[in-house]
Amino acid sequence: MDTIRIKCKKHGILCEAVPFAYEGSEFTKDFDLTATFFARNVSKSFVSEYMRISWKTVGRCISRAREDLDPDLNRRLDGLVNIGIDEL
């Protein structure tokens, strides 16, 4: 599948949006979501080395995927009744 590229005098080179990538991303949605999943469970340094991307790119993957994973941050704690706190 080839995407359409145009060269605009005002905006430079523009690429057609595709359904399998977030806007402005050089990666597929699956890649961004995989990097985000790993980052939730291990360090960003490990994710960076494992996925062969820079540490800053891991953060950008997380930022792009956040909207799909948690679209409304204000409702994250709705229905929360108790929080357990350990003395340690």
PDB file of N, CA and C in Angstrom:
ATOM      1  N   MET A   1       0.845  -1.177   0.000  1.00  0.00           N
ATOM      2  CA  MET A   1       0.000   0.000   0.000  1.00  0.00           C
ATOM      3  C   MET A   1       0.888   1.237   0.000  1.00  0.00           C
ATOM      4  N   ASP A   2       0.807   2.018  -1.025  1.00  0.00           N
ATOM      5  CA  ASP A   2       1.588   3.244  -1.108  1.00  0.00           C
ATOM      6  C   ASP A   2       0.755   4.410  -0.607  1.00  0.00           C
ATOM      7  N   THR A   3       1.376   5.254   0.182  1.00  0.00           N
ATOM      8  CA  THR A   3       0.701   6.459   0.640  1.00  0.00           C
ATOM      9  C   THR A   3       1.008   7.595  -0.322  1.00  0.00           C
ATOM     10  N   ILE A   4       0.120   8.516  -0.379  1.00  0.00           N
ATOM     11  CA  ILE A   4       0.285   9.669  -1.265  1.00  0.00           C
ATOM     12  C   ILE A   4       1.123  10.727  -0.554  1.00  0.00           C
ATOM     13  N   ARG A   5       2.149  11.229  -1.246  1.00  0.00           N
ATOM     14  CA  ARG A   5       2.978  12.313  -0.728  1.00  0.00           C
ATOM     15  C   ARG A   5       2.854  13.498  -1.675  1.00  0.00           C
ATOM     16  N   ILE A   6       2.707  14.667  -1.081  1.00  0.00           N
ATOM     17  CA  ILE A   6       2.671  15.875  -1.896  1.00  0.00           C
ATOM     18  C   ILE A   6       3.700  16.870  -1.368  1.00  0.00           C
ATOM     19  N   LYS A   7       4.181  17.698  -2.258  1.00  0.00           N
ATOM     20  CA  LYS A   7       5.129  18.729  -1.864  1.00  0.00           C
ATOM     21  C   LYS A   7       4.433  20.075  -1.984  1.00  0.00           C
ATOM     22  N   CYS A   8       4.171  20.664  -0.840  1.00  0.00           N
ATOM     23  CA  CYS A   8       3.469  21.941  -0.770  1.00  0.00           C
ATOM     24  C   CYS A   8       4.498  23.055  -0.549  1.00  0.00           C
ATOM     25  N   LYS A   9       4.366  24.151  -1.283  1.00  0.00           N
ATOM     26  CA  LYS A   9       5.304  25.256  -1.127  1.00  0.00           C
ATOM     27  C   LYS A   9       5.217  25.884   0.260  1.00  0.00           C
ATOM     28  N   LYS A  10       4.024  25.861   0.847  1.00  0.00           N
ATOM     29  CA  LYS A  10       3.826  26.481   2.157  1.00  0.00           C
ATOM     30  C   LYS A  10       4.163  25.539   3.312  1.00  0.00           C
ATOM     31  N   HIS A  11       3.790  24.253   3.214  1.00  0.00           N
ATOM     32  CA  HIS A  11       3.921  23.314   4.331  1.00  0.00           C
ATOM     33  C   HIS A  11       5.012  22.262   4.156  1.00  0.00           C
ATOM     34  N   GLY A  12       5.642  22.202   3.009  1.00  0.00           N
ATOM     35  CA  GLY A  12       6.672  21.202   2.770  1.00  0.00           C
ATOM     36  C   GLY A  12       6.068  19.886   2.296  1.00  0.00           C
ATOM     37  N   ILE A  13       6.763  18.777   2.574  1.00  0.00           N
ATOM     38  CA  ILE A  13       6.279  17.463   2.146  1.00  0.00           C
ATOM     39  C   ILE A  13       5.257  16.947   3.155  1.00  0.00           C
ATOM     40  N   LEU A  14       4.099  16.558   2.656  1.00  0.00           N
ATOM     41  CA  LEU A  14       3.019  16.032   3.490  1.00  0.00           C
ATOM     42  C   LEU A  14       2.691  14.615   3.045  1.00  0.00           C
ATOM     43  N   CYS A  15       2.357  13.762   4.007  1.00  0.00           N
ATOM     44  CA  CYS A  15       1.994  12.380   3.701  1.00  0.00           C
ATOM     45  C   CYS A  15       0.537  12.138   4.070  1.00  0.00           C
ATOM     46  N   GLU A  16      -0.075  11.264   3.320  1.00  0.00           N
ATOM     47  CA  GLU A  16      -1.454  10.868   3.570  1.00  0.00           C
ATOM     48  C   GLU A  16      -1.546  10.111   4.900  1.00  0.00           C
ATOM     49  N   ALA A  17      -2.607  10.354   5.661  1.00  0.00           N
ATOM     50  CA  ALA A  17      -2.836   9.622   6.910  1.00  0.00           C
ATOM     51  C   ALA A  17      -3.222   8.186   6.585  1.00  0.00           C
ATOM     52  N   VAL A  18      -2.760   7.258   7.408  1.00  0.00           N
ATOM     53  CA  VAL A  18      -3.092   5.846   7.233  1.00  0.00           C
ATOM     54  C   VAL A  18      -3.739   5.333   8.518  1.00  0.00           C
ATOM     55  N   PRO A  19      -4.659   4.362   8.415  1.00  0.00           N
ATOM     56  CA  PRO A  19      -5.383   3.908   9.599  1.00  0.00           C
ATOM     57  C   PRO A  19      -4.550   3.078  10.574  1.00  0.00           C
ATOM     58  N   PHE A  20      -3.380   2.608  10.161  1.00  0.00           N
ATOM     59  CA  PHE A  20      -2.588   1.752  11.036  1.00  0.00           C
ATOM     60  C   PHE A  20      -1.462   2.493  11.760  1.00  0.00           C
ATOM     61  N   ALA A  21      -1.482   3.843  11.732  1.00  0.00           N
ATOM     62  CA  ALA A  21      -0.466   4.633  12.422  1.00  0.00           C
ATOM     63  C   ALA A  21      -1.109   5.873  13.025  1.00  0.00           C
ATOM     64  N   TYR A  22      -0.577   6.316  14.154  1.00  0.00           N
ATOM     65  CA  TYR A  22      -1.031   7.573  14.745  1.00  0.00           C
ATOM     66  C   TYR A  22      -0.508   8.729  13.906  1.00  0.00           C
ATOM     67  N   GLU A  23      -1.236   9.820  13.907  1.00  0.00           N
ATOM     68  CA  GLU A  23      -0.828  10.994  13.141  1.00  0.00           C
ATOM     69  C   GLU A  23       0.530  11.492  13.621  1.00  0.00           C
ATOM     70  N   GLY A  24       1.419  11.707  12.703  1.00  0.00           N
ATOM     71  CA  GLY A  24       2.749  12.214  13.021  1.00  0.00           C
ATOM     72  C   GLY A  24       3.742  11.152  13.466  1.00  0.00           C
ATOM     73  N   SER A  25       3.323   9.905  13.523  1.00  0.00           N
ATOM     74  CA  SER A  25       4.204   8.825  13.974  1.00  0.00           C
ATOM     75  C   SER A  25       4.927   8.192  12.787  1.00  0.00           C
ATOM     76  N   GLU A  26       6.147   7.758  13.054  1.00  0.00           N
ATOM     77  CA  GLU A  26       6.901   7.015  12.046  1.00  0.00           C
ATOM     78  C   GLU A  26       6.678   5.514  12.204  1.00  0.00           C
ATOM     79  N   PHE A  27       5.905   5.119  13.211  1.00  0.00           N
ATOM     80  CA  PHE A  27       5.692   3.716  13.536  1.00  0.00           C
ATOM     81  C   PHE A  27       4.225   3.347  13.387  1.00  0.00           C
ATOM     82  N   THR A  28       3.951   2.045  13.380  1.00  0.00           N
ATOM     83  CA  THR A  28       2.560   1.577  13.370  1.00  0.00           C
ATOM     84  C   THR A  28       1.964   1.732  14.762  1.00  0.00           C
ATOM     85  N   LYS A  29       0.632   1.702  14.840  1.00  0.00           N
ATOM     86  CA  LYS A  29      -0.034   1.756  16.140  1.00  0.00           C
ATOM     87  C   LYS A  29       0.389   0.589  17.017  1.00  0.00           C
ATOM     88  N   ASP A  30       0.528  -0.583  16.414  1.00  0.00           N
ATOM     89  CA  ASP A  30       0.950  -1.761  17.184  1.00  0.00           C
ATOM     90  C   ASP A  30       2.325  -1.564  17.812  1.00  0.00           C
ATOM     91  N   PHE A  31       3.239  -0.931  17.085  1.00  0.00           N
ATOM     92  CA  PHE A  31       4.576  -0.670  17.632  1.00  0.00           C
ATOM     93  C   PHE A  31       4.472   0.286  18.813  1.00  0.00           C
ATOM     94  N   ASP A  32       3.722   1.385  18.646  1.00  0.00           N
ATOM     95  CA  ASP A  32       3.554   2.352  19.732  1.00  0.00           C
ATOM     96  C   ASP A  32       2.905   1.702  20.953  1.00  0.00           C
ATOM     97  N   LEU A  33       1.889   0.878  20.735  1.00  0.00           N
ATOM     98  CA  LEU A  33       1.198   0.218  21.842  1.00  0.00           C
ATOM     99  C   LEU A  33       2.106  -0.808  22.523  1.00  0.00           C
ATOM    100  N   THR A  34       2.937  -1.497  21.757  1.00  0.00           N
ATOM    101  CA  THR A  34       3.873  -2.461  22.337  1.00  0.00           C
ATOM    102  C   THR A  34       4.907  -1.756  23.203  1.00  0.00           C
ATOM    103  N   ALA A  35       5.467  -0.673  22.698  1.00  0.00           N
ATOM    104  CA  ALA A  35       6.442   0.099  23.480  1.00  0.00           C
ATOM    105  C   ALA A  35       5.798   0.623  24.764  1.00  0.00           C
ATOM    106  N   THR A  36       4.551   1.062  24.676  1.00  0.00           N
ATOM    107  CA  THR A  36       3.837   1.568  25.854  1.00  0.00           C
ATOM    108  C   THR A  36       3.586   0.451  26.859  1.00  0.00           C
ATOM    109  N   PHE A  37       3.179  -0.724  26.374  1.00  0.00           N
ATOM    110  CA  PHE A  37       2.962  -1.859  27.268  1.00  0.00           C
ATOM    111  C   PHE A  37       4.243  -2.202  28.022  1.00  0.00           C
ATOM    112  N   PHE A  38       5.354  -2.290  27.297  1.00  0.00           N
ATOM    113  CA  PHE A  38       6.624  -2.589  27.952  1.00  0.00           C
ATOM    114  C   PHE A  38       6.989  -1.512  28.965  1.00  0.00           C
ATOM    115  N   ALA A  39       6.780  -0.249  28.614  1.00  0.00           N
ATOM    116  CA  ALA A  39       7.153   0.855  29.500  1.00  0.00           C
ATOM    117  C   ALA A  39       6.340   0.851  30.790  1.00  0.00           C
ATOM    118  N   ARG A  40       5.143   0.284  30.753  1.00  0.00           N
ATOM    119  CA  ARG A  40       4.334   0.187  31.979  1.00  0.00           C
ATOM    120  C   ARG A  40       4.859  -0.896  32.902  1.00  0.00           C
ATOM    121  N   ASN A  41       5.678  -1.795  32.386  1.00  0.00           N
ATOM    122  CA  ASN A  41       6.123  -2.942  33.173  1.00  0.00           C
ATOM    123  C   ASN A  41       7.626  -3.002  33.439  1.00  0.00           C
ATOM    124  N   VAL A  42       8.410  -2.310  32.636  1.00  0.00           N
ATOM    125  CA  VAL A  42       9.867  -2.279  32.832  1.00  0.00           C
ATOM    126  C   VAL A  42      10.353  -0.842  32.606  1.00  0.00           C
ATOM    127  N   SER A  43      11.632  -0.608  32.802  1.00  0.00           N
ATOM    128  CA  SER A  43      12.170   0.746  32.660  1.00  0.00           C
ATOM    129  C   SER A  43      12.181   1.205  31.197  1.00  0.00           C
ATOM    130  N   LYS A  44      12.120   2.532  31.018  1.00  0.00           N
ATOM    131  CA  LYS A  44      12.178   3.089  29.670  1.00  0.00           C
ATOM    132  C   LYS A  44      13.532   2.795  29.021  1.00  0.00           C
ATOM    133  N   SER A  45      14.578   2.700  29.837  1.00  0.00           N
ATOM    134  CA  SER A  45      15.902   2.374  29.292  1.00  0.00           C
ATOM    135  C   SER A  45      15.905   0.980  28.673  1.00  0.00           C
ATOM    136  N   PHE A  46      15.255   0.024  29.347  1.00  0.00           N
ATOM    137  CA  PHE A  46      15.169  -1.328  28.803  1.00  0.00           C
ATOM    138  C   PHE A  46      14.345  -1.329  27.522  1.00  0.00           C
ATOM    139  N   VAL A  47      13.212  -0.616  27.539  1.00  0.00           N
ATOM    140  CA  VAL A  47      12.353  -0.540  26.350  1.00  0.00           C
ATOM    141  C   VAL A  47      13.125   0.057  25.188  1.00  0.00           C
ATOM    142  N   SER A  48      13.878   1.089  25.462  1.00  0.00           N
ATOM    143  CA  SER A  48      14.679   1.755  24.434  1.00  0.00           C
ATOM    144  C   SER A  48      15.654   0.776  23.781  1.00  0.00           C
ATOM    145  N   GLU A  49      16.341   0.002  24.608  1.00  0.00           N
ATOM    146  CA  GLU A  49      17.310  -0.953  24.071  1.00  0.00           C
ATOM    147  C   GLU A  49      16.611  -2.097  23.344  1.00  0.00           C
ATOM    148  N   TYR A  50      15.549  -2.626  23.930  1.00  0.00           N
ATOM    149  CA  TYR A  50      14.857  -3.778  23.358  1.00  0.00           C
ATOM    150  C   TYR A  50      14.179  -3.444  22.028  1.00  0.00           C
ATOM    151  N   MET A  51      13.513  -2.276  21.966  1.00  0.00           N
ATOM    152  CA  MET A  51      12.785  -1.876  20.765  1.00  0.00           C
ATOM    153  C   MET A  51      13.683  -1.154  19.761  1.00  0.00           C
ATOM    154  N   ARG A  52      14.932  -0.891  20.157  1.00  0.00           N
ATOM    155  CA  ARG A  52      15.911  -0.205  19.309  1.00  0.00           C
ATOM    156  C   ARG A  52      15.464   1.189  18.881  1.00  0.00           C
ATOM    157  N   ILE A  53      14.974   1.923  19.876  1.00  0.00           N
ATOM    158  CA  ILE A  53      14.581   3.320  19.673  1.00  0.00           C
ATOM    159  C   ILE A  53      15.187   4.141  20.806  1.00  0.00           C
ATOM    160  N   SER A  54      15.218   5.453  20.641  1.00  0.00           N
ATOM    161  CA  SER A  54      15.800   6.298  21.681  1.00  0.00           C
ATOM    162  C   SER A  54      14.863   6.391  22.884  1.00  0.00           C
ATOM    163  N   TRP A  55      15.438   6.788  23.995  1.00  0.00           N
ATOM    164  CA  TRP A  55      14.686   6.953  25.237  1.00  0.00           C
ATOM    165  C   TRP A  55      13.564   7.968  25.042  1.00  0.00           C
ATOM    166  N   LYS A  56      13.845   9.060  24.334  1.00  0.00           N
ATOM    167  CA  LYS A  56      12.826  10.087  24.070  1.00  0.00           C
ATOM    168  C   LYS A  56      11.717   9.548  23.181  1.00  0.00           C
ATOM    169  N   THR A  57      12.051   8.674  22.250  1.00  0.00           N
ATOM    170  CA  THR A  57      11.043   8.090  21.361  1.00  0.00           C
ATOM    171  C   THR A  57      10.084   7.207  22.148  1.00  0.00           C
ATOM    172  N   VAL A  58      10.573   6.527  23.187  1.00  0.00           N
ATOM    173  CA  VAL A  58       9.685   5.733  24.043  1.00  0.00           C
ATOM    174  C   VAL A  58       8.621   6.647  24.646  1.00  0.00           C
ATOM    175  N   GLY A  59       9.035   7.811  25.113  1.00  0.00           N
ATOM    176  CA  GLY A  59       8.074   8.776  25.681  1.00  0.00           C
ATOM    177  C   GLY A  59       7.060   9.249  24.655  1.00  0.00           C
ATOM    178  N   ARG A  60       7.499   9.452  23.414  1.00  0.00           N
ATOM    179  CA  ARG A  60       6.562   9.875  22.371  1.00  0.00           C
ATOM    180  C   ARG A  60       5.585   8.755  22.024  1.00  0.00           C
ATOM    181  N   CYS A  61       6.056   7.504  22.030  1.00  0.00           N
ATOM    182  CA  CYS A  61       5.160   6.356  21.798  1.00  0.00           C
ATOM    183  C   CYS A  61       4.081   6.319  22.879  1.00  0.00           C
ATOM    184  N   ILE A  62       4.488   6.537  24.121  1.00  0.00           N
ATOM    185  CA  ILE A  62       3.540   6.542  25.239  1.00  0.00           C
ATOM    186  C   ILE A  62       2.525   7.665  25.061  1.00  0.00           C
ATOM    187  N   SER A  63       2.989   8.842  24.692  1.00  0.00           N
ATOM    188  CA  SER A  63       2.081   9.987  24.505  1.00  0.00           C
ATOM    189  C   SER A  63       1.048   9.720  23.417  1.00  0.00           C
ATOM    190  N   ARG A  64       1.467   9.107  22.316  1.00  0.00           N
ATOM    191  CA  ARG A  64       0.528   8.817  21.232  1.00  0.00           C
ATOM    192  C   ARG A  64      -0.474   7.737  21.632  1.00  0.00           C
ATOM    193  N   ALA A  65      -0.025   6.722  22.352  1.00  0.00           N
ATOM    194  CA  ALA A  65      -0.899   5.594  22.699  1.00  0.00           C
ATOM    195  C   ALA A  65      -1.814   5.909  23.884  1.00  0.00           C
ATOM    196  N   ARG A  66      -1.479   6.895  24.697  1.00  0.00           N
ATOM    197  CA  ARG A  66      -2.254   7.204  25.896  1.00  0.00           C
ATOM    198  C   ARG A  66      -3.726   7.465  25.592  1.00  0.00           C
ATOM    199  N   GLU A  67      -3.995   8.143  24.516  1.00  0.00           N
ATOM    200  CA  GLU A  67      -5.380   8.476  24.160  1.00  0.00           C
ATOM    201  C   GLU A  67      -6.219   7.218  23.929  1.00  0.00           C
ATOM    202  N   ASP A  68      -5.638   6.196  23.328  1.00  0.00           N
ATOM    203  CA  ASP A  68      -6.365   4.938  23.125  1.00  0.00           C
ATOM    204  C   ASP A  68      -6.530   4.162  24.418  1.00  0.00           C
ATOM    205  N   LEU A  69      -5.504   4.196  25.269  1.00  0.00           N
ATOM    206  CA  LEU A  69      -5.517   3.385  26.479  1.00  0.00           C
ATOM    207  C   LEU A  69      -6.303   4.012  27.616  1.00  0.00           C
ATOM    208  N   ASP A  70      -6.289   5.322  27.714  1.00  0.00           N
ATOM    209  CA  ASP A  70      -6.972   6.020  28.802  1.00  0.00           C
ATOM    210  C   ASP A  70      -7.518   7.347  28.269  1.00  0.00           C
ATOM    211  N   PRO A  71      -8.630   7.298  27.499  1.00  0.00           N
ATOM    212  CA  PRO A  71      -9.104   8.490  26.804  1.00  0.00           C
ATOM    213  C   PRO A  71      -9.573   9.629  27.719  1.00  0.00           C
ATOM    214  N   ASP A  72     -10.066   9.317  28.915  1.00  0.00           N
ATOM    215  CA  ASP A  72     -10.573  10.367  29.811  1.00  0.00           C
ATOM    216  C   ASP A  72      -9.897  10.245  31.171  1.00  0.00           C
ATOM    217  N   LEU A  73      -8.823  10.984  31.376  1.00  0.00           N
ATOM    218  CA  LEU A  73      -8.084  10.913  32.631  1.00  0.00           C
ATOM    219  C   LEU A  73      -8.921  11.343  33.833  1.00  0.00           C
ATOM    220  N   ASN A  74      -9.889  12.214  33.606  1.00  0.00           N
ATOM    221  CA  ASN A  74     -10.722  12.698  34.710  1.00  0.00           C
ATOM    222  C   ASN A  74     -11.613  11.605  35.293  1.00  0.00           C
ATOM    223  N   ARG A  75     -11.875  10.552  34.518  1.00  0.00           N
ATOM    224  CA  ARG A  75     -12.749   9.477  34.994  1.00  0.00           C
ATOM    225  C   ARG A  75     -11.973   8.267  35.491  1.00  0.00           C
ATOM    226  N   ARG A  76     -10.655   8.375  35.544  1.00  0.00           N
ATOM    227  CA  ARG A  76      -9.811   7.242  35.909  1.00  0.00           C
ATOM    228  C   ARG A  76     -10.170   6.657  37.272  1.00  0.00           C
ATOM    229  N   LEU A  77     -10.506   7.492  38.229  1.00  0.00           N
ATOM    230  CA  LEU A  77     -10.776   7.022  39.589  1.00  0.00           C
ATOM    231  C   LEU A  77     -12.263   6.949  39.927  1.00  0.00           C
ATOM    232  N   ASP A  78     -13.146   7.101  38.942  1.00  0.00           N
ATOM    233  CA  ASP A  78     -14.586   6.975  39.196  1.00  0.00           C
ATOM    234  C   ASP A  78     -14.890   5.587  39.752  1.00  0.00           C
ATOM    235  N   GLY A  79     -15.678   5.543  40.793  1.00  0.00           N
ATOM    236  CA  GLY A  79     -16.063   4.273  41.389  1.00  0.00           C
ATOM    237  C   GLY A  79     -15.052   3.751  42.406  1.00  0.00           C
ATOM    238  N   LEU A  80     -13.959   4.455  42.605  1.00  0.00           N
ATOM    239  CA  LEU A  80     -12.976   4.032  43.587  1.00  0.00           C
ATOM    240  C   LEU A  80     -13.544   4.203  44.981  1.00  0.00           C
ATOM    241  N   VAL A  81     -13.494   3.166  45.790  1.00  0.00           N
ATOM    242  CA  VAL A  81     -14.074   3.211  47.120  1.00  0.00           C
ATOM    243  C   VAL A  81     -12.999   3.267  48.201  1.00  0.00           C
ATOM    244  N   ASN A  82     -11.982   2.413  48.104  1.00  0.00           N
ATOM    245  CA  ASN A  82     -10.950   2.332  49.121  1.00  0.00           C
ATOM    246  C   ASN A  82      -9.564   2.339  48.489  1.00  0.00           C
ATOM    247  N   ILE A  83      -8.622   2.871  49.243  1.00  0.00           N
ATOM    248  CA  ILE A  83      -7.221   2.789  48.863  1.00  0.00           C
ATOM    249  C   ILE A  83      -6.489   2.164  50.036  1.00  0.00           C
ATOM    250  N   GLY A  84      -5.756   1.088  49.775  1.00  0.00           N
ATOM    251  CA  GLY A  84      -4.994   0.438  50.828  1.00  0.00           C
ATOM    252  C   GLY A  84      -3.588   1.006  50.894  1.00  0.00           C
ATOM    253  N   ILE A  85      -3.134   1.318  52.117  1.00  0.00           N
ATOM    254  CA  ILE A  85      -1.799   1.877  52.314  1.00  0.00           C
ATOM    255  C   ILE A  85      -1.045   1.002  53.300  1.00  0.00           C
ATOM    256  N   ASP A  86       0.122   0.555  52.915  1.00  0.00           N
ATOM    257  CA  ASP A  86       0.965  -0.269  53.777  1.00  0.00           C
ATOM    258  C   ASP A  86       1.936   0.664  54.504  1.00  0.00           C
ATOM    259  N   GLU A  87       2.237   0.340  55.747  1.00  0.00           N
ATOM    260  CA  GLU A  87       3.136   1.195  56.522  1.00  0.00           C
ATOM    261  C   GLU A  87       4.565   1.176  56.010  1.00  0.00           C
ATOM    262  N   LEU A  88       4.905   0.227  55.157  1.00  0.00           N
ATOM    263  CA  LEU A  88       6.252   0.183  54.588  1.00  0.00           C
ATOM    264  C   LEU A  88       6.329   1.060  53.384  1.00  0.00           C
TER     265      LEU A  88
END
